[in-house]
């Protein structure tokens, strides 16, 4: 899918409404429109890439930045002490439905194990 057709790219460009909770040059975060917990935020690279599988070795700092933003948001949302889950689905069998790399920050309720 091209960046022109990607729903997350449209959010990043401001062409589609979203409840954005963080935005910088490399990462944008916004509330999921179908939350599975009281806190459910998507953290996405500002540049389009379909999945984690497309991340180049030279771009691993992007995952560091996404994780750092997740920690900041978890603290602001008040789930840093109680706990939260970070999830990256890669590919259809893993449940990825929007093909733009994204990390789910999920918290605010007790979660079971194993997931899925």
C-alpha atoms as a PDB file:
ATOM      1  CA  UNK A   1       0.000   0.000   0.000  1.00  0.00           C
ATOM      2  CA  UNK A   2       1.304   3.421  -0.850  1.00  0.00           C
ATOM      3  CA  UNK A   3       1.591   6.238   1.644  1.00  0.00           C
ATOM      4  CA  UNK A   4      -1.145   8.077  -0.288  1.00  0.00           C
ATOM      5  CA  UNK A   5      -3.684   5.360   0.539  1.00  0.00           C
ATOM      6  CA  UNK A   6      -2.509   4.608   4.082  1.00  0.00           C
ATOM      7  CA  UNK A   7      -4.925   5.730   6.827  1.00  0.00           C
ATOM      8  CA  UNK A   8      -2.065   6.324   9.275  1.00  0.00           C
ATOM      9  CA  UNK A   9      -0.178   8.458   6.738  1.00  0.00           C
ATOM     10  CA  UNK A  10      -3.324  10.558   6.267  1.00  0.00           C
ATOM     11  CA  UNK A  11      -3.470  11.069  10.044  1.00  0.00           C
ATOM     12  CA  UNK A  12       0.228  12.025  10.119  1.00  0.00           C
ATOM     13  CA  UNK A  13      -0.330  14.552   7.309  1.00  0.00           C
ATOM     14  CA  UNK A  14      -3.387  15.993   9.099  1.00  0.00           C
ATOM     15  CA  UNK A  15      -5.782  14.871   6.363  1.00  0.00           C
ATOM     16  CA  UNK A  16      -7.758  12.548   8.642  1.00  0.00           C
ATOM     17  CA  UNK A  17      -8.991  13.370  12.130  1.00  0.00           C
ATOM     18  CA  UNK A  18      -7.425  11.620  15.105  1.00  0.00           C
ATOM     19  CA  UNK A  19      -6.855  12.250  18.789  1.00  0.00           C
ATOM     20  CA  UNK A  20      -3.103  12.853  18.523  1.00  0.00           C
ATOM     21  CA  UNK A  21      -1.287  12.639  21.851  1.00  0.00           C
ATOM     22  CA  UNK A  22       2.288  13.030  20.568  1.00  0.00           C
ATOM     23  CA  UNK A  23       3.939  14.284  17.404  1.00  0.00           C
ATOM     24  CA  UNK A  24       7.577  14.892  16.525  1.00  0.00           C
ATOM     25  CA  UNK A  25       9.746  14.567  13.423  1.00  0.00           C
ATOM     26  CA  UNK A  26      10.026  10.777  13.670  1.00  0.00           C
ATOM     27  CA  UNK A  27       7.007   9.482  15.625  1.00  0.00           C
ATOM     28  CA  UNK A  28       3.292  10.248  15.909  1.00  0.00           C
ATOM     29  CA  UNK A  29       0.962   8.735  18.522  1.00  0.00           C
ATOM     30  CA  UNK A  30      -2.832   8.787  18.598  1.00  0.00           C
ATOM     31  CA  UNK A  31      -5.711   7.027  20.340  1.00  0.00           C
ATOM     32  CA  UNK A  32      -6.985   3.848  18.694  1.00  0.00           C
ATOM     33  CA  UNK A  33     -10.513   4.260  17.312  1.00  0.00           C
ATOM     34  CA  UNK A  34     -11.380   0.732  18.518  1.00  0.00           C
ATOM     35  CA  UNK A  35      -9.772   0.583  21.964  1.00  0.00           C
ATOM     36  CA  UNK A  36      -9.437  -2.769  23.730  1.00  0.00           C
ATOM     37  CA  UNK A  37      -8.563  -1.127  27.065  1.00  0.00           C
ATOM     38  CA  UNK A  38      -9.041   2.237  28.774  1.00  0.00           C
ATOM     39  CA  UNK A  39      -5.657   3.286  27.375  1.00  0.00           C
ATOM     40  CA  UNK A  40      -5.054   2.186  23.791  1.00  0.00           C
ATOM     41  CA  UNK A  41      -2.687   4.367  21.814  1.00  0.00           C
ATOM     42  CA  UNK A  42      -0.969   3.682  18.505  1.00  0.00           C
ATOM     43  CA  UNK A  43       2.624   4.839  18.090  1.00  0.00           C
ATOM     44  CA  UNK A  44       3.705   5.059  14.455  1.00  0.00           C
ATOM     45  CA  UNK A  45       6.759   6.179  12.505  1.00  0.00           C
ATOM     46  CA  UNK A  46       6.190   9.467  10.689  1.00  0.00           C
ATOM     47  CA  UNK A  47       7.612   7.811   7.567  1.00  0.00           C
ATOM     48  CA  UNK A  48       5.577   5.071   5.928  1.00  0.00           C
ATOM     49  CA  UNK A  49       6.814   1.508   6.155  1.00  0.00           C
ATOM     50  CA  UNK A  50       4.367  -1.345   5.925  1.00  0.00           C
ATOM     51  CA  UNK A  51       5.612  -3.452   8.829  1.00  0.00           C
ATOM     52  CA  UNK A  52       8.428  -4.219  11.217  1.00  0.00           C
ATOM     53  CA  UNK A  53       9.761  -6.608   8.595  1.00  0.00           C
ATOM     54  CA  UNK A  54      10.618  -3.615   6.364  1.00  0.00           C
ATOM     55  CA  UNK A  55      12.703  -1.883   9.051  1.00  0.00           C
ATOM     56  CA  UNK A  56      16.319  -1.673   7.920  1.00  0.00           C
ATOM     57  CA  UNK A  57      19.211  -2.436  10.285  1.00  0.00           C
ATOM     58  CA  UNK A  58      20.240   1.212  10.006  1.00  0.00           C
ATOM     59  CA  UNK A  59      16.782   2.284  11.286  1.00  0.00           C
ATOM     60  CA  UNK A  60      16.686   0.411  14.603  1.00  0.00           C
ATOM     61  CA  UNK A  61      16.912   3.742  16.434  1.00  0.00           C
ATOM     62  CA  UNK A  62      13.323   4.296  15.311  1.00  0.00           C
ATOM     63  CA  UNK A  63      12.153   1.441  17.542  1.00  0.00           C
ATOM     64  CA  UNK A  64      14.100   2.997  20.406  1.00  0.00           C
ATOM     65  CA  UNK A  65      12.281   6.290  19.791  1.00  0.00           C
ATOM     66  CA  UNK A  66       8.882   4.562  19.569  1.00  0.00           C
ATOM     67  CA  UNK A  67       9.550   2.785  22.871  1.00  0.00           C
ATOM     68  CA  UNK A  68      10.704   6.008  24.523  1.00  0.00           C
ATOM     69  CA  UNK A  69       7.526   7.781  23.381  1.00  0.00           C
ATOM     70  CA  UNK A  70       5.474   4.838  24.696  1.00  0.00           C
ATOM     71  CA  UNK A  71       7.079   5.195  28.129  1.00  0.00           C
ATOM     72  CA  UNK A  72       6.387   8.949  28.169  1.00  0.00           C
ATOM     73  CA  UNK A  73       2.755   8.434  27.186  1.00  0.00           C
ATOM     74  CA  UNK A  74       2.273   5.593  29.693  1.00  0.00           C
ATOM     75  CA  UNK A  75       3.417   7.951  32.445  1.00  0.00           C
ATOM     76  CA  UNK A  76       1.102  10.744  31.262  1.00  0.00           C
ATOM     77  CA  UNK A  77      -1.827   8.313  31.016  1.00  0.00           C
ATOM     78  CA  UNK A  78      -1.145   6.986  34.520  1.00  0.00           C
ATOM     79  CA  UNK A  79      -0.471   3.352  33.599  1.00  0.00           C
ATOM     80  CA  UNK A  80       3.285   3.356  34.189  1.00  0.00           C
ATOM     81  CA  UNK A  81       2.923   2.031  37.750  1.00  0.00           C
ATOM     82  CA  UNK A  82       0.070  -0.428  37.209  1.00  0.00           C
ATOM     83  CA  UNK A  83       1.514  -1.818  33.985  1.00  0.00           C
ATOM     84  CA  UNK A  84       0.940  -1.722  30.273  1.00  0.00           C
ATOM     85  CA  UNK A  85       1.584  -3.812  27.197  1.00  0.00           C
ATOM     86  CA  UNK A  86       3.416  -2.873  24.005  1.00  0.00           C
ATOM     87  CA  UNK A  87       2.454  -4.893  20.926  1.00  0.00           C
ATOM     88  CA  UNK A  88       3.713  -4.841  17.350  1.00  0.00           C
ATOM     89  CA  UNK A  89       1.737  -7.086  15.006  1.00  0.00           C
ATOM     90  CA  UNK A  90       3.635  -7.988  11.849  1.00  0.00           C
ATOM     91  CA  UNK A  91       1.669  -9.486   8.970  1.00  0.00           C
ATOM     92  CA  UNK A  92      -1.850 -10.768   8.518  1.00  0.00           C
ATOM     93  CA  UNK A  93      -1.449 -13.938  10.605  1.00  0.00           C
ATOM     94  CA  UNK A  94      -0.330 -11.791  13.551  1.00  0.00           C
ATOM     95  CA  UNK A  95      -3.424  -9.602  13.234  1.00  0.00           C
ATOM     96  CA  UNK A  96      -1.934  -6.574  11.492  1.00  0.00           C
ATOM     97  CA  UNK A  97      -4.821  -4.792   9.769  1.00  0.00           C
ATOM     98  CA  UNK A  98      -3.248  -1.447   8.871  1.00  0.00           C
ATOM     99  CA  UNK A  99      -0.041  -1.920   6.940  1.00  0.00           C
ATOM    100  CA  UNK A 100       1.957   0.931   8.430  1.00  0.00           C
ATOM    101  CA  UNK A 101       4.322  -0.133  11.209  1.00  0.00           C
ATOM    102  CA  UNK A 102       2.713   0.656  14.549  1.00  0.00           C
ATOM    103  CA  UNK A 103       3.053  -0.165  18.214  1.00  0.00           C
ATOM    104  CA  UNK A 104       0.011  -0.552  20.438  1.00  0.00           C
ATOM    105  CA  UNK A 105       0.290   0.864  23.962  1.00  0.00           C
ATOM    106  CA  UNK A 106      -2.448  -0.887  25.942  1.00  0.00           C
ATOM    107  CA  UNK A 107      -3.152  -0.378  29.631  1.00  0.00           C
ATOM    108  CA  UNK A 108      -5.628   0.536  32.316  1.00  0.00           C
ATOM    109  CA  UNK A 109      -6.901  -3.017  32.922  1.00  0.00           C
ATOM    110  CA  UNK A 110      -5.531  -6.425  33.874  1.00  0.00           C
ATOM    111  CA  UNK A 111      -4.456  -8.475  30.867  1.00  0.00           C
ATOM    112  CA  UNK A 112      -4.308 -12.200  30.380  1.00  0.00           C
ATOM    113  CA  UNK A 113      -1.538 -14.446  29.138  1.00  0.00           C
ATOM    114  CA  UNK A 114      -1.010 -15.798  26.608  1.00  0.00           C
ATOM    115  CA  UNK A 115      -2.265 -13.031  24.338  1.00  0.00           C
ATOM    116  CA  UNK A 116      -4.123 -13.768  21.128  1.00  0.00           C
END
